[in-house]
Amino acid sequence: MTLGQMQRLYTLNLAKLIIWAYEQGYELTLGEGYDDDGVGHMKGSTHYVRLGQDLNLFKDGEWLKKTEDHARLGAAWKALHPLNRWGGDFKSKDGNHYSMLWENRA
């Protein structure tokens, strides 16, 4: 699969997750997505290849900032595709990060 094909699949998966989250009573805003300046993300981040998106999660008007707050979304995200990765599973516990595996990067 080419990078462009993967980016389009990623966008579709992200749309499905967003719709699912709203159906569950959550609300979302987009955090950091594509990053082209090389600052703010670790070297090799999927944000640099348009395969990583940070999502800000809200429930009943409250911003849910903890990694564990994202656990349901993380599980739903991973169920959408075998290459989907959730930042809550990372050693760094980046709970609001949703990405797809590309060239051994998540």
C-alpha atoms as a PDB file:
ATOM      1  CA  MET A   1       0.000   0.000   0.000  1.00  0.00           C
ATOM      2  CA  THR A   2       1.347   3.449  -0.879  1.00  0.00           C
ATOM      3  CA  LEU A   3       1.548   6.257   1.643  1.00  0.00           C
ATOM      4  CA  GLY A   4      -1.251   8.084  -0.185  1.00  0.00           C
ATOM      5  CA  GLN A   5      -3.512   5.028  -0.020  1.00  0.00           C
ATOM      6  CA  MET A   6      -2.744   4.634   3.680  1.00  0.00           C
ATOM      7  CA  GLN A   7      -3.513   8.321   4.340  1.00  0.00           C
ATOM      8  CA  ARG A   8      -6.905   7.963   2.682  1.00  0.00           C
ATOM      9  CA  LEU A   9      -7.687   4.809   4.667  1.00  0.00           C
ATOM     10  CA  TYR A  10      -6.569   6.588   7.840  1.00  0.00           C
ATOM     11  CA  THR A  11      -8.903   9.510   7.120  1.00  0.00           C
ATOM     12  CA  LEU A  12     -11.827   7.138   6.630  1.00  0.00           C
ATOM     13  CA  ASN A  13     -11.022   5.325   9.888  1.00  0.00           C
ATOM     14  CA  LEU A  14     -10.756   8.637  11.729  1.00  0.00           C
ATOM     15  CA  ALA A  15     -14.164   9.701  10.402  1.00  0.00           C
ATOM     16  CA  LYS A  16     -15.676   6.427  11.602  1.00  0.00           C
ATOM     17  CA  LEU A  17     -14.156   6.899  15.057  1.00  0.00           C
ATOM     18  CA  ILE A  18     -15.444  10.459  15.313  1.00  0.00           C
ATOM     19  CA  ILE A  19     -18.974   9.404  14.385  1.00  0.00           C
ATOM     20  CA  TRP A  20     -18.816   6.490  16.846  1.00  0.00           C
ATOM     21  CA  ALA A  21     -17.620   8.788  19.633  1.00  0.00           C
ATOM     22  CA  TYR A  22     -20.535  11.169  19.111  1.00  0.00           C
ATOM     23  CA  GLU A  23     -22.955   8.244  19.090  1.00  0.00           C
ATOM     24  CA  GLN A  24     -21.558   7.287  22.509  1.00  0.00           C
ATOM     25  CA  GLY A  25     -22.238  10.766  23.896  1.00  0.00           C
ATOM     26  CA  TYR A  26     -18.722  12.134  23.575  1.00  0.00           C
ATOM     27  CA  GLU A  27     -17.683  15.284  21.762  1.00  0.00           C
ATOM     28  CA  LEU A  28     -14.321  15.931  20.135  1.00  0.00           C
ATOM     29  CA  THR A  29     -12.136  18.703  18.867  1.00  0.00           C
ATOM     30  CA  LEU A  30      -9.078  18.171  16.729  1.00  0.00           C
ATOM     31  CA  GLY A  31      -5.720  18.594  18.375  1.00  0.00           C
ATOM     32  CA  GLU A  32      -2.455  18.379  16.501  1.00  0.00           C
ATOM     33  CA  GLY A  33      -2.636  16.621  13.152  1.00  0.00           C
ATOM     34  CA  TYR A  34      -0.202  17.089  10.307  1.00  0.00           C
ATOM     35  CA  ASP A  35       3.097  18.523  11.448  1.00  0.00           C
ATOM     36  CA  ASP A  36       5.598  19.717   8.880  1.00  0.00           C
ATOM     37  CA  ASP A  37       8.006  21.790  10.944  1.00  0.00           C
ATOM     38  CA  GLY A  38       9.724  18.925  12.776  1.00  0.00           C
ATOM     39  CA  VAL A  39       9.069  20.526  16.165  1.00  0.00           C
ATOM     40  CA  GLY A  40       6.786  19.219  18.869  1.00  0.00           C
ATOM     41  CA  HIS A  41       6.713  15.529  18.030  1.00  0.00           C
ATOM     42  CA  MET A  42       9.264  12.795  18.428  1.00  0.00           C
ATOM     43  CA  LYS A  43      11.499  11.979  15.498  1.00  0.00           C
ATOM     44  CA  GLY A  44       9.683   9.755  13.003  1.00  0.00           C
ATOM     45  CA  SER A  45       6.227  10.632  14.320  1.00  0.00           C
ATOM     46  CA  THR A  46       3.270   9.645  12.162  1.00  0.00           C
ATOM     47  CA  HIS A  47       2.148  13.274  12.422  1.00  0.00           C
ATOM     48  CA  TYR A  48       4.849  14.045   9.831  1.00  0.00           C
ATOM     49  CA  VAL A  49       3.277  11.712   7.256  1.00  0.00           C
ATOM     50  CA  ARG A  50      -0.395  12.543   7.903  1.00  0.00           C
ATOM     51  CA  LEU A  51      -1.071   9.321   9.780  1.00  0.00           C
ATOM     52  CA  GLY A  52      -1.382  10.730  13.298  1.00  0.00           C
ATOM     53  CA  GLN A  53      -4.051  12.885  14.918  1.00  0.00           C
ATOM     54  CA  ASP A  54      -4.516  14.073  18.484  1.00  0.00           C
ATOM     55  CA  LEU A  55      -8.142  14.269  19.610  1.00  0.00           C
ATOM     56  CA  ASN A  56      -9.457  16.329  22.503  1.00  0.00           C
ATOM     57  CA  LEU A  57     -12.239  14.408  24.245  1.00  0.00           C
ATOM     58  CA  PHE A  58     -15.247  15.912  26.012  1.00  0.00           C
ATOM     59  CA  LYS A  59     -18.173  14.401  27.933  1.00  0.00           C
ATOM     60  CA  ASP A  60     -20.995  16.537  29.359  1.00  0.00           C
ATOM     61  CA  GLY A  61     -18.957  19.646  28.615  1.00  0.00           C
ATOM     62  CA  GLU A  62     -15.916  18.444  30.580  1.00  0.00           C
ATOM     63  CA  TRP A  63     -12.564  18.101  28.841  1.00  0.00           C
ATOM     64  CA  LEU A  64     -11.254  14.604  29.577  1.00  0.00           C
ATOM     65  CA  LYS A  65      -7.481  14.882  29.547  1.00  0.00           C
ATOM     66  CA  LYS A  66      -6.288  11.630  31.123  1.00  0.00           C
ATOM     67  CA  THR A  67      -5.103   8.678  29.057  1.00  0.00           C
ATOM     68  CA  GLU A  68      -7.612   6.398  30.778  1.00  0.00           C
ATOM     69  CA  ASP A  69     -10.417   8.750  29.695  1.00  0.00           C
ATOM     70  CA  HIS A  70      -9.596   7.787  26.101  1.00  0.00           C
ATOM     71  CA  ALA A  71      -9.577   4.022  26.734  1.00  0.00           C
ATOM     72  CA  ARG A  72     -12.995   3.340  25.127  1.00  0.00           C
ATOM     73  CA  LEU A  73     -12.074   5.374  22.060  1.00  0.00           C
ATOM     74  CA  GLY A  74      -8.669   3.708  21.929  1.00  0.00           C
ATOM     75  CA  ALA A  75     -10.279   0.262  21.914  1.00  0.00           C
ATOM     76  CA  ALA A  76     -12.794   1.313  19.256  1.00  0.00           C
ATOM     77  CA  TRP A  77      -9.971   2.795  17.165  1.00  0.00           C
ATOM     78  CA  LYS A  78      -7.901  -0.374  17.275  1.00  0.00           C
ATOM     79  CA  ALA A  79     -10.960  -2.463  16.335  1.00  0.00           C
ATOM     80  CA  LEU A  80     -11.409  -0.476  13.103  1.00  0.00           C
ATOM     81  CA  HIS A  81      -8.206  -1.730  11.441  1.00  0.00           C
ATOM     82  CA  PRO A  82      -5.289  -3.994  12.424  1.00  0.00           C
ATOM     83  CA  LEU A  83      -2.759  -1.221  11.704  1.00  0.00           C
ATOM     84  CA  ASN A  84      -4.479   1.351  13.930  1.00  0.00           C
ATOM     85  CA  ARG A  85      -2.497   2.303  17.009  1.00  0.00           C
ATOM     86  CA  TRP A  86      -3.582   4.178  20.133  1.00  0.00           C
ATOM     87  CA  GLY A  87      -1.164   6.330  22.112  1.00  0.00           C
ATOM     88  CA  GLY A  88      -2.483   4.987  25.419  1.00  0.00           C
ATOM     89  CA  ASP A  89      -0.650   1.748  24.634  1.00  0.00           C
ATOM     90  CA  PHE A  90       2.662   3.574  24.141  1.00  0.00           C
ATOM     91  CA  LYS A  91       5.325   3.669  26.818  1.00  0.00           C
ATOM     92  CA  SER A  92       4.822   7.459  26.901  1.00  0.00           C
ATOM     93  CA  LYS A  93       1.024   7.038  27.473  1.00  0.00           C
ATOM     94  CA  ASP A  94      -0.067   9.579  24.846  1.00  0.00           C
ATOM     95  CA  GLY A  95      -3.781   8.872  25.345  1.00  0.00           C
ATOM     96  CA  ASN A  96      -5.171  11.409  22.886  1.00  0.00           C
ATOM     97  CA  HIS A  97      -3.023  10.142  19.976  1.00  0.00           C
ATOM     98  CA  TYR A  98      -4.628   8.024  17.233  1.00  0.00           C
ATOM     99  CA  SER A  99      -2.469   6.765  14.387  1.00  0.00           C
ATOM    100  CA  MET A 100      -1.781   4.049  11.844  1.00  0.00           C
ATOM    101  CA  LEU A 101       1.388   1.994  11.727  1.00  0.00           C
ATOM    102  CA  TRP A 102       3.654   3.035   8.872  1.00  0.00           C
ATOM    103  CA  GLU A 103       7.232   1.844   8.358  1.00  0.00           C
ATOM    104  CA  ASN A 104       7.383   0.614  11.979  1.00  0.00           C
ATOM    105  CA  ARG A 105       6.211   3.996  13.294  1.00  0.00           C
ATOM    106  CA  ALA A 106       2.969   4.632  15.165  1.00  0.00           C
END
